[in-house]
Amino acid sequence: MLDTSPLTAAVERFADRLRAMPQSRLQQGAAARALELARELSVRSQALEAHREGAGAAPAREMPDAGVFVVGDQVAVAGLDLAEALRAAAEGAPETAEAPSVMLDEAVRLVERAEAGASR
């Protein structure tokens, strides 16, 4: 089983920071960066789920802009969805397959970069 705890920890840490940020900081770009991250994580999980279900390349549903006060929750939901999709993909993959673990590492880096960018 793929250990997705690095992703879930990074996502939860960033989501908590976003929830604690003042409105002014969120409006200065932190919320926009976070929404961009949530959308990217969502697209990745949808692609994994479509592949697993054999659904093909259906157009991804875009995470809506629900406002600056919701973006922490959007990051958390999208990140946890991706962690679950990665675990499911790893279960169905041969033991030698590296793709889910590589995607996990990429996702963690995305979260860390978004968090660093939102902190400026």
Protein backbone atom coordinates (compact mmCIF):
# COMPACT_ATOMS: atom_id res chain seq x y z
CA MET A 1 0.00 0.00 0.00
CA LEU A 2 1.28 3.44 -0.94
CA ASP A 3 1.98 5.69 2.05
CA THR A 4 0.36 9.00 1.17
CA SER A 5 0.96 10.56 4.57
CA PRO A 6 3.53 13.07 3.20
CA LEU A 7 0.82 14.45 0.89
CA THR A 8 -1.93 14.48 3.48
CA ALA A 9 0.35 16.15 6.04
CA ALA A 10 1.44 18.85 3.57
CA VAL A 11 -2.15 19.48 2.45
CA GLU A 12 -3.51 19.66 6.00
CA ARG A 13 -0.70 22.00 7.09
CA PHE A 14 -1.32 24.36 4.16
CA ALA A 15 -5.10 24.22 4.57
CA ASP A 16 -4.76 25.10 8.26
CA ARG A 17 -2.48 28.04 7.43
CA LEU A 18 -4.99 29.29 4.86
CA ARG A 19 -7.87 29.03 7.33
CA ALA A 20 -5.89 31.10 9.82
CA MET A 21 -4.82 33.83 7.37
CA PRO A 22 -6.42 37.24 7.57
CA GLN A 23 -8.68 38.33 4.74
CA SER A 24 -6.17 40.91 3.54
CA ARG A 25 -3.45 38.27 3.08
CA LEU A 26 -5.84 35.93 1.27
CA GLN A 27 -6.87 38.73 -1.07
CA GLN A 28 -3.25 39.66 -1.79
CA GLY A 29 -2.77 36.43 -3.70
CA ALA A 30 -2.65 33.58 -1.20
CA ALA A 31 -6.19 32.49 -2.04
CA ALA A 32 -5.54 32.63 -5.77
CA ARG A 33 -2.43 30.44 -5.40
CA ALA A 34 -4.33 28.02 -3.20
CA LEU A 35 -7.25 27.79 -5.61
CA GLU A 36 -4.83 27.11 -8.46
CA LEU A 37 -3.32 24.30 -6.39
CA ALA A 38 -6.73 22.86 -5.48
CA ARG A 39 -7.72 22.84 -9.14
CA GLU A 40 -4.49 21.10 -10.16
CA LEU A 41 -4.81 18.45 -7.46
CA SER A 42 -8.43 17.91 -8.46
CA VAL A 43 -7.56 17.45 -12.13
CA ARG A 44 -4.89 14.91 -11.19
CA SER A 45 -7.24 12.86 -9.02
CA GLN A 46 -9.96 12.92 -11.67
CA ALA A 47 -7.49 11.65 -14.26
CA LEU A 48 -6.41 8.80 -11.99
CA GLU A 49 -9.99 7.85 -11.23
CA ALA A 50 -11.00 7.95 -14.90
CA HIS A 51 -8.04 5.76 -15.83
CA ARG A 52 -8.86 3.25 -13.09
CA GLU A 53 -12.49 3.09 -14.15
CA GLY A 54 -11.57 2.85 -17.82
CA ALA A 55 -13.60 5.97 -18.53
CA GLY A 56 -11.02 7.49 -20.86
CA ALA A 57 -10.09 11.12 -21.06
CA ALA A 58 -13.27 12.86 -20.01
CA PRO A 59 -12.93 16.61 -19.51
CA ALA A 60 -12.06 17.38 -15.91
CA ARG A 61 -14.56 19.23 -13.78
CA GLU A 62 -13.05 22.48 -12.55
CA MET A 63 -13.02 23.34 -8.89
CA PRO A 64 -15.18 26.48 -8.56
CA ASP A 65 -14.01 29.74 -7.06
CA ALA A 66 -16.10 29.76 -3.90
CA GLY A 67 -14.34 32.72 -2.30
CA VAL A 68 -11.26 33.41 -0.23
CA PHE A 69 -12.66 31.99 3.00
CA VAL A 70 -13.31 28.55 1.50
CA VAL A 71 -10.02 27.98 -0.28
CA GLY A 72 -8.40 26.18 2.68
CA ASP A 73 -11.18 23.61 2.62
CA GLN A 74 -10.89 23.29 -1.15
CA VAL A 75 -7.17 22.53 -0.86
CA ALA A 76 -7.88 19.95 1.85
CA VAL A 77 -10.62 18.19 -0.13
CA ALA A 78 -8.66 18.14 -3.38
CA GLY A 79 -5.49 16.93 -1.66
CA LEU A 80 -7.22 14.18 0.27
CA ASP A 81 -9.07 13.07 -2.88
CA LEU A 82 -5.75 12.83 -4.70
CA ALA A 83 -4.20 10.84 -1.85
CA GLU A 84 -7.06 8.36 -2.05
CA ALA A 85 -6.82 8.13 -5.84
CA LEU A 86 -3.07 7.50 -5.58
CA ARG A 87 -3.59 4.73 -3.03
CA ALA A 88 -6.19 3.09 -5.28
CA ALA A 89 -3.93 3.42 -8.32
CA ALA A 90 -1.03 1.86 -6.42
CA GLU A 91 -3.17 -1.11 -5.38
CA GLY A 92 -4.00 -1.86 -9.00
CA ALA A 93 -0.46 -1.34 -10.27
CA PRO A 94 2.20 -4.03 -10.54
CA GLU A 95 4.80 -4.08 -7.75
CA THR A 96 7.41 -2.59 -10.07
CA ALA A 97 5.24 0.37 -11.11
CA GLU A 98 6.62 3.68 -9.89
CA ALA A 99 4.00 5.99 -11.36
CA PRO A 100 1.82 6.44 -8.23
CA SER A 101 4.84 7.12 -6.01
CA VAL A 102 6.29 9.55 -8.55
CA MET A 103 2.93 11.33 -8.78
CA LEU A 104 2.82 11.45 -4.98
CA ASP A 105 6.22 13.14 -4.83
CA GLU A 106 5.16 15.66 -7.50
CA ALA A 107 1.97 16.48 -5.61
CA VAL A 108 3.88 17.07 -2.36
CA ARG A 109 6.24 19.43 -4.20
CA LEU A 110 3.25 21.30 -5.70
CA VAL A 111 1.73 21.80 -2.25
CA GLU A 112 5.03 22.94 -0.76
CA ARG A 113 5.61 25.44 -3.59
CA ALA A 114 2.07 26.81 -3.31
CA GLU A 115 2.46 27.16 0.45
CA ALA A 116 5.76 28.98 0.07
CA GLY A 117 4.27 31.30 -2.57
CA ALA A 118 1.22 32.06 -0.43
CA SER A 119 3.42 32.90 2.56
CA ARG A 120 5.18 35.78 0.81
